[in-house]
Amino acid sequence: MNRRNILLILLCTYCVFSIPDRVIATDLPRIMIFGEDEDRNTIKRNSPVFKDVLEFFSNEFINEGFDVKDEPALTHKTHIQGKKRRSDAELIQIGKDVGMDVICMFSIYPNVKSHNNNSKKVTATMKARILEISSGSKLDSYNEGTSHYELIERPYSRYDLEKAVGKIAKVLARDAASSLAKKLSNYVDQKGGQLIEWSLTFEAFTFDDIMRIEEYIAEFPGYDSHRIKKNAINTSSHHEYLYRSSIDSAKLKKNLFIMFTNKLNMERPQFFFNGDNNIRMVKVRKVKQRRKSQVNDW
């Protein structure tokens, strides 16, 4: 092997398994904004106020550089449109169905109190939170009202009420969206990069194989930690781990391929990926050929 090839191999090994001091790139999260209106005391999602607030949230995340997806654009062929009073479980499932990484859910609570015989005071409270879909981790929340109020004259209509709530909700929405977007920015841009939790499953690998694999996955760039998945069935040939890393998904998959073929000298296993940060690897086993022994003079 000549000197040039030796240097090339050393350089590739360094790039794959060294941990540089600079920030390691990770996947920019795909975000979808939902209005949560299951509570009958909240403003319904078909209200003009609701739609205005949705735009405030979307624009704040976009201004922070995030990839915000439009719900109708991605769900018009697969989900019922215009449905009201949706639960948080339904919203989370929609986020999973369309491959979101993070969802933001907000609710608007109007509050109407008597002022005098001729008018009523209208105030509002804004509740919102951001949730990481794959891990179920709560990233941040917002729950604020205001001492400001709007007066509406008797007799007032539902339109008058929503118009008054809208003036307050827009102010609260800007604060809520800005707070949550900055929180997510700090999380993504933290030193070392955003940590993503992966579920790694190794099937048909021996205990010795797994010991060697654990040594290498801990050397990947962006590595933070790994541990045995507690709620999984782990046996001598089935092993499941939770793996936290700031590396991007394409690089992680590439490093796993390199680990098996170049480092462990194994035949490349079968890889199965899904949208919930799960990677399943199945070791390829050769079928034994058993033949009847023949005892003769030939």
Protein backbone atom coordinates (compact mmCIF):
# COMPACT_ATOMS: atom_id res chain seq x y z
CA MET A 1 0.00 0.00 0.00
CA ASN A 2 1.50 3.32 -1.04
CA ARG A 3 1.82 6.39 1.15
CA ARG A 4 -1.04 8.24 -0.56
CA ASN A 5 -3.55 5.45 0.19
CA ILE A 6 -2.43 5.26 3.83
CA LEU A 7 -2.98 9.02 4.28
CA LEU A 8 -6.41 8.79 2.61
CA ILE A 9 -7.51 6.00 4.96
CA LEU A 10 -6.31 7.92 8.02
CA LEU A 11 -8.17 11.04 6.87
CA CYS A 12 -11.44 9.15 6.31
CA THR A 13 -11.16 7.48 9.70
CA TYR A 14 -10.63 10.86 11.37
CA CYS A 15 -13.63 12.44 9.61
CA VAL A 16 -15.98 9.63 10.59
CA PHE A 17 -14.97 8.88 14.17
CA SER A 18 -13.36 12.04 15.55
CA ILE A 19 -15.37 14.61 17.49
CA PRO A 20 -14.52 18.11 16.25
CA ASP A 21 -14.69 21.22 18.44
CA ARG A 22 -17.03 23.04 16.04
CA VAL A 23 -20.79 22.71 16.22
CA ILE A 24 -21.96 19.49 14.55
CA ALA A 25 -24.79 19.94 12.06
CA THR A 26 -28.08 18.32 12.88
CA ASP A 27 -31.42 18.07 11.11
CA LEU A 28 -33.38 21.33 11.18
CA PRO A 29 -36.72 20.38 12.79
CA ARG A 30 -39.86 20.44 10.65
CA ILE A 31 -42.56 22.32 12.54
CA MET A 32 -46.35 22.47 12.34
CA ILE A 33 -48.54 24.92 14.28
CA PHE A 34 -51.88 23.68 15.66
CA GLY A 35 -54.72 25.41 17.45
CA GLU A 36 -55.93 23.28 20.35
CA ASP A 37 -59.66 23.94 20.87
CA GLU A 38 -60.97 20.78 22.59
CA ASP A 39 -61.88 22.78 25.70
CA ARG A 40 -65.32 24.33 25.15
CA ASN A 41 -64.08 27.50 26.86
CA THR A 42 -61.57 28.20 24.08
CA ILE A 43 -62.03 30.00 20.76
CA LYS A 44 -62.85 27.52 17.98
CA ARG A 45 -60.37 27.05 15.15
CA ASN A 46 -62.78 28.32 12.48
CA SER A 47 -62.87 31.76 14.12
CA PRO A 48 -61.13 34.70 12.33
CA VAL A 49 -59.35 35.42 15.63
CA PHE A 50 -57.98 31.91 15.67
CA LYS A 51 -56.68 32.21 12.11
CA ASP A 52 -54.97 35.53 12.84
CA VAL A 53 -53.20 34.05 15.87
CA LEU A 54 -52.11 31.04 13.80
CA GLU A 55 -50.39 33.41 11.37
CA PHE A 56 -48.60 35.20 14.22
CA PHE A 57 -47.21 31.89 15.50
CA SER A 58 -46.15 30.72 12.04
CA ASN A 59 -44.40 33.98 11.19
CA GLU A 60 -42.42 34.09 14.43
CA PHE A 61 -41.04 30.58 13.85
CA ILE A 62 -40.29 31.39 10.21
CA ASN A 63 -38.46 34.56 11.29
CA GLU A 64 -36.27 32.39 13.53
CA GLY A 65 -35.31 30.36 10.44
CA PHE A 66 -37.45 27.27 11.02
CA ASP A 67 -39.17 25.15 8.39
CA VAL A 68 -42.86 25.67 9.20
CA LYS A 69 -45.30 23.40 7.36
CA ASP A 70 -48.89 24.30 6.52
CA GLU A 71 -51.38 21.78 7.90
CA PRO A 72 -53.99 21.88 5.07
CA ALA A 73 -51.26 21.67 2.42
CA LEU A 74 -49.98 18.38 3.85
CA THR A 75 -53.22 16.83 5.08
CA HIS A 76 -55.91 17.76 2.51
CA LYS A 77 -55.77 14.28 0.94
CA THR A 78 -55.36 12.21 4.10
CA HIS A 79 -57.26 13.89 6.95
CA ILE A 80 -60.68 15.46 7.51
CA GLN A 81 -60.50 19.21 6.93
CA GLY A 82 -62.17 21.90 9.04
CA LYS A 83 -62.74 19.63 12.03
CA LYS A 84 -63.23 21.53 15.31
CA ARG A 85 -62.67 20.68 18.97
CA ARG A 86 -59.73 18.39 18.32
CA SER A 87 -57.87 16.82 21.26
CA ASP A 88 -54.15 17.14 21.81
CA ALA A 89 -53.80 13.39 21.15
CA GLU A 90 -55.35 13.87 17.70
CA LEU A 91 -53.05 16.79 16.93
CA ILE A 92 -49.98 14.81 17.99
CA GLN A 93 -51.07 11.93 15.76
CA ILE A 94 -51.48 14.28 12.78
CA GLY A 95 -47.99 15.59 13.43
CA LYS A 96 -46.65 12.04 13.37
CA ASP A 97 -48.64 11.14 10.25
CA VAL A 98 -47.09 13.96 8.21
CA GLY A 99 -43.55 13.51 9.55
CA MET A 100 -43.16 16.53 11.83
CA ASP A 101 -40.29 16.77 14.32
CA VAL A 102 -41.82 19.48 16.52
CA ILE A 103 -45.38 20.71 16.93
CA CYS A 104 -46.60 23.91 18.58
CA MET A 105 -50.12 23.90 20.07
CA PHE A 106 -51.92 26.99 21.33
CA SER A 107 -55.31 27.81 22.88
CA ILE A 108 -57.16 31.11 23.34
CA TYR A 109 -59.33 31.53 26.45
CA PRO A 110 -61.71 34.52 26.48
CA ASN A 111 -62.93 35.87 29.78
CA VAL A 112 -66.04 38.09 30.03
CA LYS A 113 -66.89 39.92 33.26
CA SER A 114 -69.57 42.43 34.18
CA HIS A 115 -68.42 46.05 34.23
CA ASN A 116 -71.64 47.97 34.77
CA ASN A 117 -75.21 47.90 33.55
CA ASN A 118 -74.20 49.06 30.06
CA SER A 119 -71.03 47.09 29.29
CA LYS A 120 -68.83 44.11 30.00
CA LYS A 121 -65.06 43.70 30.30
CA VAL A 122 -63.34 41.25 27.96
CA THR A 123 -59.90 39.81 28.67
CA ALA A 124 -58.05 36.76 27.34
CA THR A 125 -55.42 34.18 28.25
CA MET A 126 -53.04 32.49 25.85
CA LYS A 127 -51.72 28.98 26.47
CA ALA A 128 -49.16 27.33 24.19
CA ARG A 129 -46.46 24.65 24.20
CA ILE A 130 -43.91 23.04 21.93
CA LEU A 131 -43.47 19.27 21.88
CA GLU A 132 -40.86 17.03 20.26
CA ILE A 133 -42.80 14.29 18.47
CA SER A 134 -40.34 11.37 18.44
CA SER A 135 -39.33 11.52 22.11
CA GLY A 136 -42.49 13.09 23.54
CA SER A 137 -40.32 15.68 25.32
CA LYS A 138 -41.91 18.98 26.34
CA LEU A 139 -39.55 21.70 25.14
CA ASP A 140 -41.30 24.78 26.54
CA SER A 141 -44.69 26.23 27.43
CA TYR A 142 -46.42 29.61 27.72
CA ASN A 143 -49.40 30.55 29.89
CA GLU A 144 -50.08 34.27 30.21
CA GLY A 145 -53.00 36.64 30.52
CA THR A 146 -53.08 40.42 30.64
CA SER A 147 -54.47 43.13 32.87
CA HIS A 148 -55.66 44.98 29.77
CA TYR A 149 -59.33 44.65 28.87
CA GLU A 150 -61.75 45.73 26.16
CA LEU A 151 -65.23 47.11 26.91
CA ILE A 152 -68.18 45.91 24.85
CA GLU A 153 -71.62 47.46 25.10
CA ARG A 154 -74.81 45.61 25.83
CA PRO A 155 -76.38 43.92 24.00
CA TYR A 156 -73.29 42.39 22.43
CA SER A 157 -73.11 39.67 19.81
CA ARG A 158 -70.67 36.79 19.47
CA TYR A 159 -68.95 38.81 16.75
CA ASP A 160 -68.44 41.71 19.19
CA LEU A 161 -66.98 39.31 21.76
CA GLU A 162 -64.56 37.69 19.32
CA LYS A 163 -63.50 41.07 17.94
CA ALA A 164 -62.60 42.24 21.44
CA VAL A 165 -60.82 38.98 22.25
CA GLY A 166 -58.96 39.24 18.95
CA LYS A 167 -57.36 42.59 19.83
CA ILE A 168 -55.94 41.13 23.03
CA ALA A 169 -55.10 37.72 21.58
CA LYS A 170 -52.93 39.22 18.84
CA VAL A 171 -50.73 40.95 21.40
CA LEU A 172 -50.47 37.81 23.53
CA ALA A 173 -49.82 35.67 20.43
CA ARG A 174 -46.82 37.76 19.42
CA ASP A 175 -45.28 37.40 22.88
CA ALA A 176 -46.09 33.68 23.13
CA ALA A 177 -44.81 32.82 19.66
CA SER A 178 -41.66 34.90 20.08
CA SER A 179 -40.90 33.26 23.44
CA LEU A 180 -41.40 29.71 22.15
CA ALA A 181 -39.54 30.29 18.88
CA LYS A 182 -36.51 31.70 20.72
CA LYS A 183 -36.59 28.81 23.18
CA LEU A 184 -36.53 26.33 20.30
CA SER A 185 -33.73 28.31 18.62
CA ASN A 186 -31.61 28.08 21.77
CA TYR A 187 -32.29 24.35 21.94
CA VAL A 188 -31.35 23.73 18.31
CA ASP A 189 -28.35 26.08 18.31
CA GLN A 190 -26.87 24.95 21.61
CA LYS A 191 -23.16 24.13 21.71
CA GLY A 192 -22.66 20.76 20.06
CA GLY A 193 -25.97 20.93 18.21
CA GLN A 194 -29.51 19.77 18.91
CA LEU A 195 -29.69 16.39 20.61
CA ILE A 196 -31.98 13.88 18.92
CA GLU A 197 -33.06 10.61 20.51
CA TRP A 198 -32.92 7.54 18.27
CA SER A 199 -34.20 4.03 18.86
CA LEU A 200 -31.60 1.53 17.58
CA THR A 201 -32.59 -2.13 17.32
CA PHE A 202 -30.05 -4.89 16.60
CA GLU A 203 -31.50 -8.29 15.70
CA ALA A 204 -29.67 -11.64 15.39
CA PHE A 205 -26.42 -10.15 16.75
CA THR A 206 -24.52 -12.06 19.45
CA PHE A 207 -23.53 -10.56 22.78
CA ASP A 208 -19.93 -10.25 21.57
CA ASP A 209 -21.17 -8.41 18.46
CA ILE A 210 -23.11 -5.96 20.62
CA MET A 211 -20.12 -5.25 22.86
CA ARG A 212 -18.06 -4.30 19.83
CA ILE A 213 -20.92 -2.28 18.33
CA GLU A 214 -21.34 -0.27 21.56
CA GLU A 215 -17.68 0.74 21.44
CA TYR A 216 -18.02 2.17 17.94
CA ILE A 217 -21.38 3.96 18.23
CA ALA A 218 -19.95 5.83 21.24
CA GLU A 219 -17.20 7.19 18.97
CA PHE A 220 -19.50 8.65 16.31
CA PRO A 221 -19.40 12.46 15.96
CA GLY A 222 -22.16 14.16 17.96
CA TYR A 223 -22.47 11.27 20.43
CA ASP A 224 -24.04 12.17 23.78
CA SER A 225 -25.20 8.92 25.41
CA HIS A 226 -26.83 5.56 24.89
CA ARG A 227 -28.64 3.11 27.15
CA ILE A 228 -30.69 -0.06 26.99
CA LYS A 229 -34.35 0.61 26.22
CA LYS A 230 -36.23 -0.36 29.36
CA ASN A 231 -39.67 -1.03 27.86
CA ALA A 232 -38.31 -3.34 25.13
CA ILE A 233 -37.76 -7.08 24.95
CA ASN A 234 -33.98 -7.51 25.16
CA THR A 235 -32.61 -11.03 24.71
CA SER A 236 -29.30 -12.60 23.77
CA SER A 237 -30.06 -11.92 20.08
CA HIS A 238 -32.41 -8.90 20.25
CA HIS A 239 -31.04 -5.63 21.62
CA GLU A 240 -32.74 -2.23 21.73
CA TYR A 241 -31.06 1.03 22.70
CA LEU A 242 -31.95 4.69 23.10
CA TYR A 243 -29.20 6.65 21.40
CA ARG A 244 -28.81 10.45 21.82
CA SER A 245 -26.74 12.36 19.30
CA SER A 246 -26.51 15.75 17.61
CA ILE A 247 -25.42 14.24 14.29
CA ASP A 248 -27.79 14.59 11.34
CA SER A 249 -29.80 11.53 10.27
CA ALA A 250 -28.01 10.94 6.97
CA LYS A 251 -24.58 11.00 8.63
CA LEU A 252 -25.69 8.64 11.39
CA LYS A 253 -26.94 6.09 8.87
CA LYS A 254 -23.75 6.43 6.84
CA ASN A 255 -21.60 5.86 9.93
CA LEU A 256 -23.57 2.73 10.80
CA PHE A 257 -22.94 1.36 7.30
CA ILE A 258 -19.20 2.14 7.60
CA MET A 259 -19.03 0.58 11.08
CA PHE A 260 -20.36 -2.78 9.91
CA THR A 261 -18.43 -3.07 6.65
CA ASN A 262 -15.12 -1.30 7.38
CA LYS A 263 -14.68 -1.58 11.15
CA LEU A 264 -16.40 -4.78 12.22
CA ASN A 265 -15.76 -6.64 8.95
CA MET A 266 -19.32 -7.92 8.99
CA GLU A 267 -21.61 -8.44 6.07
CA ARG A 268 -23.84 -5.36 5.89
CA PRO A 269 -27.07 -6.10 7.81
CA GLN A 270 -30.56 -5.33 6.56
CA PHE A 271 -31.56 -1.78 7.48
CA PHE A 272 -35.12 -0.66 8.17
CA PHE A 273 -35.96 3.01 8.82
CA ASN A 274 -39.21 4.72 9.77
CA GLY A 275 -40.32 8.27 10.51
CA ASP A 276 -40.16 7.96 14.31
CA ASN A 277 -36.34 7.98 14.55
CA ASN A 278 -36.24 4.19 14.66
CA ILE A 279 -33.47 2.23 12.94
CA ARG A 280 -33.69 -1.56 12.94
CA MET A 281 -30.68 -3.61 11.82
CA VAL A 282 -30.96 -7.34 11.16
CA LYS A 283 -27.82 -9.43 10.85
CA VAL A 284 -27.64 -11.51 7.71
CA ARG A 285 -26.97 -15.16 8.51
CA LYS A 286 -25.73 -17.70 6.04
CA VAL A 287 -27.72 -20.90 5.78
CA LYS A 288 -25.74 -23.97 6.84
CA GLN A 289 -25.41 -26.76 4.31
CA ARG A 290 -25.69 -30.15 6.01
CA ARG A 291 -24.79 -33.14 3.89
CA LYS A 292 -24.91 -36.82 4.72
CA SER A 293 -21.45 -38.22 5.26
CA GLN A 294 -20.50 -41.10 3.03
CA VAL A 295 -18.07 -43.76 4.12
CA ASN A 296 -16.63 -45.75 1.23
CA ASP A 297 -13.38 -46.50 -0.47
CA TRP A 298 -13.79 -43.76 -3.03
